[in-house]
Amino acid sequence: MSRESDWLAAQAYDAFPGAAEFVEGQDPSHVIVKWSIASAHGHRRNAPLAVAIDPKVVDRWYEAGDREQARISRYVRSAIRNRMRAYHADGPVDVPAAFLVTIDEGAL
């Protein structure tokens, strides 16, 4: 796991299903989030989902005090939940690009 995937797993614990896996994407700042969903034919993987994390967000979190860390964590969970409203986990798996959630330091 990358630093970003470990960090996202710790920060977004309630934004994804409990069995979600966080793995490094092709771009080091991208984290691929996978979990199993029920379908008519049994269980299958969720539709592709990636979270692009600005490394400055992670750096800022590690350098911050407790209050700032809590604020950044709340922002990350809120941004993910808001973006996930347009995501359909049961969508097609064989799409050319993953559904992307972007966490940018400029928004903090």
PDB file of N, CA and C in Angstrom:
ATOM      1  N   MET A   1       0.839  -1.183   0.000  1.00  0.00           N
ATOM      2  CA  MET A   1       0.000   0.000   0.000  1.00  0.00           C
ATOM      3  C   MET A   1       0.881   1.242   0.000  1.00  0.00           C
ATOM      4  N   SER A   2       0.394   2.265  -0.630  1.00  0.00           N
ATOM      5  CA  SER A   2       1.109   3.538  -0.652  1.00  0.00           C
ATOM      6  C   SER A   2       0.745   4.357   0.584  1.00  0.00           C
ATOM      7  N   ARG A   3       1.486   5.401   0.807  1.00  0.00           N
ATOM      8  CA  ARG A   3       1.194   6.308   1.918  1.00  0.00           C
ATOM      9  C   ARG A   3      -0.213   6.879   1.769  1.00  0.00           C
ATOM     10  N   GLU A   4      -0.588   7.256   0.526  1.00  0.00           N
ATOM     11  CA  GLU A   4      -1.912   7.826   0.286  1.00  0.00           C
ATOM     12  C   GLU A   4      -3.022   6.809   0.544  1.00  0.00           C
ATOM     13  N   SER A   5      -2.817   5.558   0.123  1.00  0.00           N
ATOM     14  CA  SER A   5      -3.868   4.554   0.331  1.00  0.00           C
ATOM     15  C   SER A   5      -4.026   4.227   1.814  1.00  0.00           C
ATOM     16  N   ASP A   6      -2.918   4.134   2.549  1.00  0.00           N
ATOM     17  CA  ASP A   6      -2.999   3.920   3.999  1.00  0.00           C
ATOM     18  C   ASP A   6      -3.725   5.081   4.672  1.00  0.00           C
ATOM     19  N   TRP A   7      -3.371   6.296   4.269  1.00  0.00           N
ATOM     20  CA  TRP A   7      -3.969   7.485   4.867  1.00  0.00           C
ATOM     21  C   TRP A   7      -5.465   7.549   4.571  1.00  0.00           C
ATOM     22  N   LEU A   8      -5.840   7.277   3.303  1.00  0.00           N
ATOM     23  CA  LEU A   8      -7.254   7.325   2.938  1.00  0.00           C
ATOM     24  C   LEU A   8      -8.054   6.274   3.695  1.00  0.00           C
ATOM     25  N   ALA A   9      -7.502   5.077   3.841  1.00  0.00           N
ATOM     26  CA  ALA A   9      -8.195   4.020   4.588  1.00  0.00           C
ATOM     27  C   ALA A   9      -8.477   4.470   6.020  1.00  0.00           C
ATOM     28  N   ALA A  10      -7.546   5.192   6.622  1.00  0.00           N
ATOM     29  CA  ALA A  10      -7.730   5.671   7.992  1.00  0.00           C
ATOM     30  C   ALA A  10      -8.700   6.846   8.071  1.00  0.00           C
ATOM     31  N   GLN A  11      -8.699   7.725   7.076  1.00  0.00           N
ATOM     32  CA  GLN A  11      -9.525   8.931   7.125  1.00  0.00           C
ATOM     33  C   GLN A  11     -10.955   8.706   6.649  1.00  0.00           C
ATOM     34  N   ALA A  12     -11.139   7.843   5.684  1.00  0.00           N
ATOM     35  CA  ALA A  12     -12.463   7.665   5.063  1.00  0.00           C
ATOM     36  C   ALA A  12     -13.135   6.386   5.537  1.00  0.00           C
ATOM     37  N   TYR A  13     -12.890   6.015   6.784  1.00  0.00           N
ATOM     38  CA  TYR A  13     -13.404   4.756   7.319  1.00  0.00           C
ATOM     39  C   TYR A  13     -14.914   4.618   7.217  1.00  0.00           C
ATOM     40  N   ASP A  14     -15.653   5.710   7.257  1.00  0.00           N
ATOM     41  CA  ASP A  14     -17.114   5.596   7.203  1.00  0.00           C
ATOM     42  C   ASP A  14     -17.709   6.047   5.870  1.00  0.00           C
ATOM     43  N   ALA A  15     -16.873   6.346   4.891  1.00  0.00           N
ATOM     44  CA  ALA A  15     -17.373   6.796   3.586  1.00  0.00           C
ATOM     45  C   ALA A  15     -17.530   5.644   2.600  1.00  0.00           C
ATOM     46  N   PHE A  16     -16.948   4.494   2.918  1.00  0.00           N
ATOM     47  CA  PHE A  16     -17.005   3.317   2.048  1.00  0.00           C
ATOM     48  C   PHE A  16     -17.474   2.116   2.863  1.00  0.00           C
ATOM     49  N   PRO A  17     -17.916   1.044   2.190  1.00  0.00           N
ATOM     50  CA  PRO A  17     -18.298  -0.167   2.923  1.00  0.00           C
ATOM     51  C   PRO A  17     -17.131  -0.689   3.770  1.00  0.00           C
ATOM     52  N   GLY A  18     -17.460  -1.360   4.856  1.00  0.00           N
ATOM     53  CA  GLY A  18     -16.445  -1.851   5.784  1.00  0.00           C
ATOM     54  C   GLY A  18     -15.399  -2.762   5.176  1.00  0.00           C
ATOM     55  N   ALA A  19     -15.752  -3.502   4.150  1.00  0.00           N
ATOM     56  CA  ALA A  19     -14.814  -4.445   3.538  1.00  0.00           C
ATOM     57  C   ALA A  19     -14.035  -3.832   2.376  1.00  0.00           C
ATOM     58  N   ALA A  20     -14.058  -2.531   2.240  1.00  0.00           N
ATOM     59  CA  ALA A  20     -13.371  -1.877   1.118  1.00  0.00           C
ATOM     60  C   ALA A  20     -11.862  -2.070   1.225  1.00  0.00           C
ATOM     61  N   GLU A  21     -11.231  -2.244   0.063  1.00  0.00           N
ATOM     62  CA  GLU A  21      -9.771  -2.340  -0.033  1.00  0.00           C
ATOM     63  C   GLU A  21      -9.266  -1.059  -0.688  1.00  0.00           C
ATOM     64  N   PHE A  22      -8.143  -0.564  -0.219  1.00  0.00           N
ATOM     65  CA  PHE A  22      -7.538   0.656  -0.745  1.00  0.00           C
ATOM     66  C   PHE A  22      -6.177   0.286  -1.320  1.00  0.00           C
ATOM     67  N   VAL A  23      -6.033   0.381  -2.641  1.00  0.00           N
ATOM     68  CA  VAL A  23      -4.781  -0.003  -3.291  1.00  0.00           C
ATOM     69  C   VAL A  23      -4.263   1.142  -4.154  1.00  0.00           C
ATOM     70  N   GLU A  24      -2.947   1.182  -4.300  1.00  0.00           N
ATOM     71  CA  GLU A  24      -2.320   2.232  -5.097  1.00  0.00           C
ATOM     72  C   GLU A  24      -2.684   2.078  -6.561  1.00  0.00           C
ATOM     73  N   GLY A  25      -3.035   3.195  -7.203  1.00  0.00           N
ATOM     74  CA  GLY A  25      -3.352   3.188  -8.625  1.00  0.00           C
ATOM     75  C   GLY A  25      -2.094   3.344  -9.463  1.00  0.00           C
ATOM     76  N   GLN A  26      -2.268   3.469 -10.773  1.00  0.00           N
ATOM     77  CA  GLN A  26      -1.122   3.657 -11.660  1.00  0.00           C
ATOM     78  C   GLN A  26      -0.407   4.968 -11.366  1.00  0.00           C
ATOM     79  N   ASP A  27      -1.164   6.005 -11.090  1.00  0.00           N
ATOM     80  CA  ASP A  27      -0.591   7.276 -10.652  1.00  0.00           C
ATOM     81  C   ASP A  27      -0.428   7.168  -9.134  1.00  0.00           C
ATOM     82  N   PRO A  28       0.748   7.460  -8.579  1.00  0.00           N
ATOM     83  CA  PRO A  28       0.961   7.299  -7.136  1.00  0.00           C
ATOM     84  C   PRO A  28      -0.028   8.066  -6.256  1.00  0.00           C
ATOM     85  N   SER A  29      -0.606   9.143  -6.770  1.00  0.00           N
ATOM     86  CA  SER A  29      -1.560   9.902  -5.959  1.00  0.00           C
ATOM     87  C   SER A  29      -2.984   9.367  -6.082  1.00  0.00           C
ATOM     88  N   HIS A  30      -3.191   8.340  -6.907  1.00  0.00           N
ATOM     89  CA  HIS A  30      -4.517   7.746  -7.062  1.00  0.00           C
ATOM     90  C   HIS A  30      -4.639   6.497  -6.201  1.00  0.00           C
ATOM     91  N   VAL A  31      -5.756   6.406  -5.503  1.00  0.00           N
ATOM     92  CA  VAL A  31      -6.058   5.235  -4.691  1.00  0.00           C
ATOM     93  C   VAL A  31      -7.289   4.578  -5.298  1.00  0.00           C
ATOM     94  N   ILE A  32      -7.178   3.305  -5.634  1.00  0.00           N
ATOM     95  CA  ILE A  32      -8.302   2.544  -6.166  1.00  0.00           C
ATOM     96  C   ILE A  32      -9.031   1.922  -4.977  1.00  0.00           C
ATOM     97  N   VAL A  33     -10.349   2.092  -4.936  1.00  0.00           N
ATOM     98  CA  VAL A  33     -11.148   1.560  -3.834  1.00  0.00           C
ATOM     99  C   VAL A  33     -12.015   0.439  -4.393  1.00  0.00           C
ATOM    100  N   LYS A  34     -11.885  -0.753  -3.791  1.00  0.00           N
ATOM    101  CA  LYS A  34     -12.618  -1.929  -4.273  1.00  0.00           C
ATOM    102  C   LYS A  34     -13.400  -2.562  -3.129  1.00  0.00           C
ATOM    103  N   TRP A  35     -14.569  -3.085  -3.465  1.00  0.00           N
ATOM    104  CA  TRP A  35     -15.325  -3.895  -2.529  1.00  0.00           C
ATOM    105  C   TRP A  35     -16.245  -4.795  -3.322  1.00  0.00           C
ATOM    106  N   SER A  36     -16.844  -5.741  -2.652  1.00  0.00           N
ATOM    107  CA  SER A  36     -17.728  -6.704  -3.298  1.00  0.00           C
ATOM    108  C   SER A  36     -19.177  -6.259  -3.115  1.00  0.00           C
ATOM    109  N   ILE A  37     -19.967  -6.374  -4.186  1.00  0.00           N
ATOM    110  CA  ILE A  37     -21.389  -6.037  -4.097  1.00  0.00           C
ATOM    111  C   ILE A  37     -22.213  -7.231  -4.554  1.00  0.00           C
ATOM    112  N   ALA A  38     -23.416  -7.307  -4.073  1.00  0.00           N
ATOM    113  CA  ALA A  38     -24.317  -8.386  -4.479  1.00  0.00           C
ATOM    114  C   ALA A  38     -24.910  -8.051  -5.841  1.00  0.00           C
ATOM    115  N   SER A  39     -25.037  -9.061  -6.676  1.00  0.00           N
ATOM    116  CA  SER A  39     -25.673  -8.873  -7.982  1.00  0.00           C
ATOM    117  C   SER A  39     -26.587 -10.062  -8.240  1.00  0.00           C
ATOM    118  N   ALA A  40     -27.281 -10.033  -9.345  1.00  0.00           N
ATOM    119  CA  ALA A  40     -28.190 -11.127  -9.696  1.00  0.00           C
ATOM    120  C   ALA A  40     -27.438 -12.442  -9.864  1.00  0.00           C
ATOM    121  N   HIS A  41     -26.146 -12.363 -10.157  1.00  0.00           N
ATOM    122  CA  HIS A  41     -25.342 -13.561 -10.400  1.00  0.00           C
ATOM    123  C   HIS A  41     -24.383 -13.843  -9.252  1.00  0.00           C
ATOM    124  N   GLY A  42     -24.667 -13.367  -8.072  1.00  0.00           N
ATOM    125  CA  GLY A  42     -23.778 -13.554  -6.927  1.00  0.00           C
ATOM    126  C   GLY A  42     -23.084 -12.252  -6.578  1.00  0.00           C
ATOM    127  N   HIS A  43     -21.867 -12.357  -6.114  1.00  0.00           N
ATOM    128  CA  HIS A  43     -21.103 -11.163  -5.756  1.00  0.00           C
ATOM    129  C   HIS A  43     -20.123 -10.812  -6.866  1.00  0.00           C
ATOM    130  N   ARG A  44     -19.886  -9.530  -7.011  1.00  0.00           N
ATOM    131  CA  ARG A  44     -18.904  -9.053  -7.984  1.00  0.00           C
ATOM    132  C   ARG A  44     -18.265  -7.784  -7.436  1.00  0.00           C
ATOM    133  N   ARG A  45     -17.235  -7.337  -8.120  1.00  0.00           N
ATOM    134  CA  ARG A  45     -16.534  -6.122  -7.719  1.00  0.00           C
ATOM    135  C   ARG A  45     -17.389  -4.900  -8.053  1.00  0.00           C
ATOM    136  N   ASN A  46     -17.222  -3.849  -7.271  1.00  0.00           N
ATOM    137  CA  ASN A  46     -17.903  -2.583  -7.556  1.00  0.00           C
ATOM    138  C   ASN A  46     -17.381  -1.978  -8.853  1.00  0.00           C
ATOM    139  N   ALA A  47     -18.158  -1.072  -9.419  1.00  0.00           N
ATOM    140  CA  ALA A  47     -17.705  -0.324 -10.596  1.00  0.00           C
ATOM    141  C   ALA A  47     -16.426   0.428 -10.219  1.00  0.00           C
ATOM    142  N   PRO A  48     -15.501   0.613 -11.164  1.00  0.00           N
ATOM    143  CA  PRO A  48     -14.216   1.238 -10.837  1.00  0.00           C
ATOM    144  C   PRO A  48     -14.371   2.609 -10.168  1.00  0.00           C
ATOM    145  N   LEU A  49     -13.617   2.782  -9.098  1.00  0.00           N
ATOM    146  CA  LEU A  49     -13.647   4.013  -8.319  1.00  0.00           C
ATOM    147  C   LEU A  49     -12.218   4.362  -7.918  1.00  0.00           C
ATOM    148  N   ALA A  50     -11.816   5.592  -8.160  1.00  0.00           N
ATOM    149  CA  ALA A  50     -10.483   6.052  -7.764  1.00  0.00           C
ATOM    150  C   ALA A  50     -10.610   7.370  -7.012  1.00  0.00           C
ATOM    151  N   VAL A  51      -9.734   7.553  -6.046  1.00  0.00           N
ATOM    152  CA  VAL A  51      -9.664   8.806  -5.309  1.00  0.00           C
ATOM    153  C   VAL A  51      -8.291   9.407  -5.596  1.00  0.00           C
ATOM    154  N   ALA A  52      -8.279  10.602  -6.186  1.00  0.00           N
ATOM    155  CA  ALA A  52      -7.028  11.310  -6.465  1.00  0.00           C
ATOM    156  C   ALA A  52      -6.746  12.229  -5.285  1.00  0.00           C
ATOM    157  N   ILE A  53      -5.653  11.961  -4.592  1.00  0.00           N
ATOM    158  CA  ILE A  53      -5.319  12.723  -3.394  1.00  0.00           C
ATOM    159  C   ILE A  53      -4.089  13.578  -3.661  1.00  0.00           C
ATOM    160  N   ASP A  54      -4.236  14.865  -3.476  1.00  0.00           N
ATOM    161  CA  ASP A  54      -3.100  15.772  -3.569  1.00  0.00           C
ATOM    162  C   ASP A  54      -2.154  15.414  -2.415  1.00  0.00           C
ATOM    163  N   PRO A  55      -0.902  15.026  -2.691  1.00  0.00           N
ATOM    164  CA  PRO A  55       0.029  14.668  -1.614  1.00  0.00           C
ATOM    165  C   PRO A  55       0.200  15.776  -0.576  1.00  0.00           C
ATOM    166  N   LYS A  56      -0.064  17.020  -0.968  1.00  0.00           N
ATOM    167  CA  LYS A  56       0.036  18.133  -0.018  1.00  0.00           C
ATOM    168  C   LYS A  56      -1.020  18.026   1.079  1.00  0.00           C
ATOM    169  N   VAL A  57      -2.167  17.410   0.770  1.00  0.00           N
ATOM    170  CA  VAL A  57      -3.204  17.211   1.788  1.00  0.00           C
ATOM    171  C   VAL A  57      -2.681  16.262   2.857  1.00  0.00           C
ATOM    172  N   VAL A  58      -2.066  15.174   2.428  1.00  0.00           N
ATOM    173  CA  VAL A  58      -1.524  14.192   3.372  1.00  0.00           C
ATOM    174  C   VAL A  58      -0.397  14.830   4.187  1.00  0.00           C
ATOM    175  N   ASP A  59       0.501  15.547   3.510  1.00  0.00           N
ATOM    176  CA  ASP A  59       1.589  16.234   4.218  1.00  0.00           C
ATOM    177  C   ASP A  59       1.030  17.198   5.254  1.00  0.00           C
ATOM    178  N   ARG A  60       0.056  17.975   4.849  1.00  0.00           N
ATOM    179  CA  ARG A  60      -0.538  18.968   5.751  1.00  0.00           C
ATOM    180  C   ARG A  60      -1.180  18.286   6.954  1.00  0.00           C
ATOM    181  N   TRP A  61      -1.853  17.151   6.728  1.00  0.00           N
ATOM    182  CA  TRP A  61      -2.484  16.420   7.831  1.00  0.00           C
ATOM    183  C   TRP A  61      -1.427  15.951   8.832  1.00  0.00           C
ATOM    184  N   TYR A  62      -0.334  15.356   8.335  1.00  0.00           N
ATOM    185  CA  TYR A  62       0.719  14.852   9.227  1.00  0.00           C
ATOM    186  C   TYR A  62       1.425  15.971   9.987  1.00  0.00           C
ATOM    187  N   GLU A  63       1.517  17.149   9.409  1.00  0.00           N
ATOM    188  CA  GLU A  63       2.203  18.273  10.048  1.00  0.00           C
ATOM    189  C   GLU A  63       1.287  19.072  10.977  1.00  0.00           C
ATOM    190  N   ALA A  64      -0.008  18.826  10.922  1.00  0.00           N
ATOM    191  CA  ALA A  64      -0.992  19.623  11.662  1.00  0.00           C
ATOM    192  C   ALA A  64      -1.155  19.134  13.101  1.00  0.00           C
ATOM    193  N   GLY A  65      -1.747  20.016  13.896  1.00  0.00           N
ATOM    194  CA  GLY A  65      -2.138  19.653  15.249  1.00  0.00           C
ATOM    195  C   GLY A  65      -3.457  18.884  15.212  1.00  0.00           C
ATOM    196  N   ASP A  66      -3.913  18.459  16.367  1.00  0.00           N
ATOM    197  CA  ASP A  66      -5.124  17.637  16.461  1.00  0.00           C
ATOM    198  C   ASP A  66      -6.352  18.301  15.848  1.00  0.00           C
ATOM    199  N   ARG A  67      -6.559  19.577  16.130  1.00  0.00           N
ATOM    200  CA  ARG A  67      -7.756  20.266  15.607  1.00  0.00           C
ATOM    201  C   ARG A  67      -7.741  20.346  14.090  1.00  0.00           C
ATOM    202  N   GLU A  68      -6.580  20.689  13.526  1.00  0.00           N
ATOM    203  CA  GLU A  68      -6.465  20.796  12.070  1.00  0.00           C
ATOM    204  C   GLU A  68      -6.592  19.417  11.424  1.00  0.00           C
ATOM    205  N   GLN A  69      -6.030  18.393  12.049  1.00  0.00           N
ATOM    206  CA  GLN A  69      -6.178  17.033  11.523  1.00  0.00           C
ATOM    207  C   GLN A  69      -7.648  16.637  11.486  1.00  0.00           C
ATOM    208  N   ALA A  70      -8.373  16.938  12.549  1.00  0.00           N
ATOM    209  CA  ALA A  70      -9.803  16.610  12.593  1.00  0.00           C
ATOM    210  C   ALA A  70     -10.562  17.360  11.502  1.00  0.00           C
ATOM    211  N   ARG A  71     -10.220  18.627  11.283  1.00  0.00           N
ATOM    212  CA  ARG A  71     -10.889  19.421  10.249  1.00  0.00           C
ATOM    213  C   ARG A  71     -10.606  18.855   8.862  1.00  0.00           C
ATOM    214  N   ILE A  72      -9.365  18.496   8.589  1.00  0.00           N
ATOM    215  CA  ILE A  72      -9.007  17.921   7.291  1.00  0.00           C
ATOM    216  C   ILE A  72      -9.731  16.594   7.092  1.00  0.00           C
ATOM    217  N   SER A  73      -9.771  15.767   8.120  1.00  0.00           N
ATOM    218  CA  SER A  73     -10.456  14.476   8.027  1.00  0.00           C
ATOM    219  C   SER A  73     -11.938  14.658   7.729  1.00  0.00           C
ATOM    220  N   ARG A  74     -12.577  15.614   8.407  1.00  0.00           N
ATOM    221  CA  ARG A  74     -13.999  15.890   8.145  1.00  0.00           C
ATOM    222  C   ARG A  74     -14.200  16.351   6.711  1.00  0.00           C
ATOM    223  N   TYR A  75     -13.314  17.224   6.228  1.00  0.00           N
ATOM    224  CA  TYR A  75     -13.405  17.698   4.843  1.00  0.00           C
ATOM    225  C   TYR A  75     -13.293  16.534   3.867  1.00  0.00           C
ATOM    226  N   VAL A  76     -12.335  15.652   4.082  1.00  0.00           N
ATOM    227  CA  VAL A  76     -12.118  14.509   3.182  1.00  0.00           C
ATOM    228  C   VAL A  76     -13.356  13.619   3.151  1.00  0.00           C
ATOM    229  N   ARG A  77     -13.879  13.261   4.316  1.00  0.00           N
ATOM    230  CA  ARG A  77     -15.076  12.406   4.359  1.00  0.00           C
ATOM    231  C   ARG A  77     -16.269  13.088   3.704  1.00  0.00           C
ATOM    232  N   SER A  78     -16.435  14.385   3.953  1.00  0.00           N
ATOM    233  CA  SER A  78     -17.543  15.128   3.352  1.00  0.00           C
ATOM    234  C   SER A  78     -17.402  15.199   1.833  1.00  0.00           C
ATOM    235  N   ALA A  79     -16.203  15.487   1.343  1.00  0.00           N
ATOM    236  CA  ALA A  79     -15.974  15.569  -0.106  1.00  0.00           C
ATOM    237  C   ALA A  79     -16.257  14.227  -0.773  1.00  0.00           C
ATOM    238  N   ILE A  80     -15.835  13.154  -0.138  1.00  0.00           N
ATOM    239  CA  ILE A  80     -16.081  11.821  -0.703  1.00  0.00           C
ATOM    240  C   ILE A  80     -17.573  11.521  -0.712  1.00  0.00           C
ATOM    241  N   ARG A  81     -18.249  11.752   0.414  1.00  0.00           N
ATOM    242  CA  ARG A  81     -19.695  11.477   0.472  1.00  0.00           C
ATOM    243  C   ARG A  81     -20.460  12.289  -0.569  1.00  0.00           C
ATOM    244  N   ASN A  82     -20.119  13.565  -0.719  1.00  0.00           N
ATOM    245  CA  ASN A  82     -20.810  14.414  -1.694  1.00  0.00           C
ATOM    246  C   ASN A  82     -20.602  13.911  -3.112  1.00  0.00           C
ATOM    247  N   ARG A  83     -19.389  13.543  -3.450  1.00  0.00           N
ATOM    248  CA  ARG A  83     -19.091  13.065  -4.808  1.00  0.00           C
ATOM    249  C   ARG A  83     -19.714  11.690  -5.049  1.00  0.00           C
ATOM    250  N   MET A  84     -19.788  10.874  -4.017  1.00  0.00           N
ATOM    251  CA  MET A  84     -20.325   9.517  -4.154  1.00  0.00           C
ATOM    252  C   MET A  84     -21.822   9.513  -4.468  1.00  0.00           C
ATOM    253  N   ARG A  85     -22.489  10.622  -4.284  1.00  0.00           N
ATOM    254  CA  ARG A  85     -23.915  10.683  -4.625  1.00  0.00           C
ATOM    255  C   ARG A  85     -24.146  10.400  -6.100  1.00  0.00           C
ATOM    256  N   ALA A  86     -23.156  10.676  -6.933  1.00  0.00           N
ATOM    257  CA  ALA A  86     -23.274  10.448  -8.380  1.00  0.00           C
ATOM    258  C   ALA A  86     -22.678   9.106  -8.809  1.00  0.00           C
ATOM    259  N   TYR A  87     -22.157   8.341  -7.867  1.00  0.00           N
ATOM    260  CA  TYR A  87     -21.499   7.065  -8.166  1.00  0.00           C
ATOM    261  C   TYR A  87     -22.482   5.913  -7.995  1.00  0.00           C
ATOM    262  N   HIS A  88     -22.414   4.954  -8.891  1.00  0.00           N
ATOM    263  CA  HIS A  88     -23.269   3.767  -8.809  1.00  0.00           C
ATOM    264  C   HIS A  88     -22.374   2.536  -8.746  1.00  0.00           C
ATOM    265  N   ALA A  89     -22.251   1.966  -7.557  1.00  0.00           N
ATOM    266  CA  ALA A  89     -21.358   0.819  -7.347  1.00  0.00           C
ATOM    267  C   ALA A  89     -21.720  -0.367  -8.223  1.00  0.00           C
ATOM    268  N   ASP A  90     -23.000  -0.488  -8.559  1.00  0.00           N
ATOM    269  CA  ASP A  90     -23.436  -1.630  -9.371  1.00  0.00           C
ATOM    270  C   ASP A  90     -23.352  -1.349 -10.870  1.00  0.00           C
ATOM    271  N   GLY A  91     -22.687  -0.270 -11.244  1.00  0.00           N
ATOM    272  CA  GLY A  91     -22.507   0.066 -12.658  1.00  0.00           C
ATOM    273  C   GLY A  91     -21.547  -0.891 -13.344  1.00  0.00           C
ATOM    274  N   PRO A  92     -21.295  -0.671 -14.634  1.00  0.00           N
ATOM    275  CA  PRO A  92     -20.422  -1.575 -15.385  1.00  0.00           C
ATOM    276  C   PRO A  92     -18.990  -1.571 -14.845  1.00  0.00           C
ATOM    277  N   VAL A  93     -18.376  -2.741 -14.892  1.00  0.00           N
ATOM    278  CA  VAL A  93     -17.016  -2.898 -14.396  1.00  0.00           C
ATOM    279  C   VAL A  93     -15.996  -2.646 -15.502  1.00  0.00           C
ATOM    280  N   ASP A  94     -16.390  -2.854 -16.745  1.00  0.00           N
ATOM    281  CA  ASP A  94     -15.458  -2.761 -17.874  1.00  0.00           C
ATOM    282  C   ASP A  94     -15.522  -1.400 -18.570  1.00  0.00           C
ATOM    283  N   VAL A  95     -15.399  -0.335 -17.798  1.00  0.00           N
ATOM    284  CA  VAL A  95     -15.413   1.018 -18.358  1.00  0.00           C
ATOM    285  C   VAL A  95     -13.975   1.504 -18.548  1.00  0.00           C
ATOM    286  N   PRO A  96     -13.745   2.433 -19.493  1.00  0.00           N
ATOM    287  CA  PRO A  96     -12.373   2.869 -19.764  1.00  0.00           C
ATOM    288  C   PRO A  96     -11.743   3.707 -18.653  1.00  0.00           C
ATOM    289  N   ALA A  97     -12.551   4.390 -17.868  1.00  0.00           N
ATOM    290  CA  ALA A  97     -12.005   5.238 -16.806  1.00  0.00           C
ATOM    291  C   ALA A  97     -12.816   5.057 -15.530  1.00  0.00           C
ATOM    292  N   ALA A  98     -12.126   5.083 -14.417  1.00  0.00           N
ATOM    293  CA  ALA A  98     -12.793   4.936 -13.125  1.00  0.00           C
ATOM    294  C   ALA A  98     -13.534   6.217 -12.758  1.00  0.00           C
ATOM    295  N   PHE A  99     -14.566   6.085 -11.937  1.00  0.00           N
ATOM    296  CA  PHE A  99     -15.241   7.226 -11.335  1.00  0.00           C
ATOM    297  C   PHE A  99     -14.208   7.885 -10.425  1.00  0.00           C
ATOM    298  N   LEU A 100     -14.013   9.182 -10.550  1.00  0.00           N
ATOM    299  CA  LEU A 100     -12.925   9.852  -9.846  1.00  0.00           C
ATOM    300  C   LEU A 100     -13.442  10.819  -8.793  1.00  0.00           C
ATOM    301  N   VAL A 101     -12.893  10.694  -7.592  1.00  0.00           N
ATOM    302  CA  VAL A 101     -13.126  11.639  -6.507  1.00  0.00           C
ATOM    303  C   VAL A 101     -11.799  12.358  -6.292  1.00  0.00           C
ATOM    304  N   THR A 102     -11.801  13.688  -6.310  1.00  0.00           N
ATOM    305  CA  THR A 102     -10.559  14.452  -6.173  1.00  0.00           C
ATOM    306  C   THR A 102     -10.517  15.160  -4.823  1.00  0.00           C
ATOM    307  N   ILE A 103      -9.415  14.962  -4.103  1.00  0.00           N
ATOM    308  CA  ILE A 103      -9.173  15.646  -2.838  1.00  0.00           C
ATOM    309  C   ILE A 103      -7.988  16.576  -3.082  1.00  0.00           C
ATOM    310  N   ASP A 104      -8.257  17.892  -3.107  1.00  0.00           N
ATOM    311  CA  ASP A 104      -7.239  18.869  -3.482  1.00  0.00           C
ATOM    312  C   ASP A 104      -6.902  19.781  -2.308  1.00  0.00           C
ATOM    313  N   GLU A 105      -5.634  20.047  -2.111  1.00  0.00           N
ATOM    314  CA  GLU A 105      -5.190  20.896  -1.008  1.00  0.00           C
ATOM    315  C   GLU A 105      -5.744  22.308  -1.121  1.00  0.00           C
ATOM    316  N   GLY A 106      -5.967  22.783  -2.326  1.00  0.00           N
ATOM    317  CA  GLY A 106      -6.497  24.123  -2.529  1.00  0.00           C
ATOM    318  C   GLY A 106      -7.885  24.322  -1.947  1.00  0.00           C
ATOM    319  N   ALA A 107      -8.632  23.246  -1.769  1.00  0.00           N
ATOM    320  CA  ALA A 107      -9.984  23.342  -1.223  1.00  0.00           C
ATOM    321  C   ALA A 107      -9.999  23.431   0.299  1.00  0.00           C
ATOM    322  N   LEU A 108      -8.873  23.163   0.919  1.00  0.00           N
ATOM    323  CA  LEU A 108      -8.817  23.233   2.376  1.00  0.00           C
ATOM    324  C   LEU A 108      -8.765  24.679   2.810  1.00  0.00           C
TER     325      LEU A 108
END
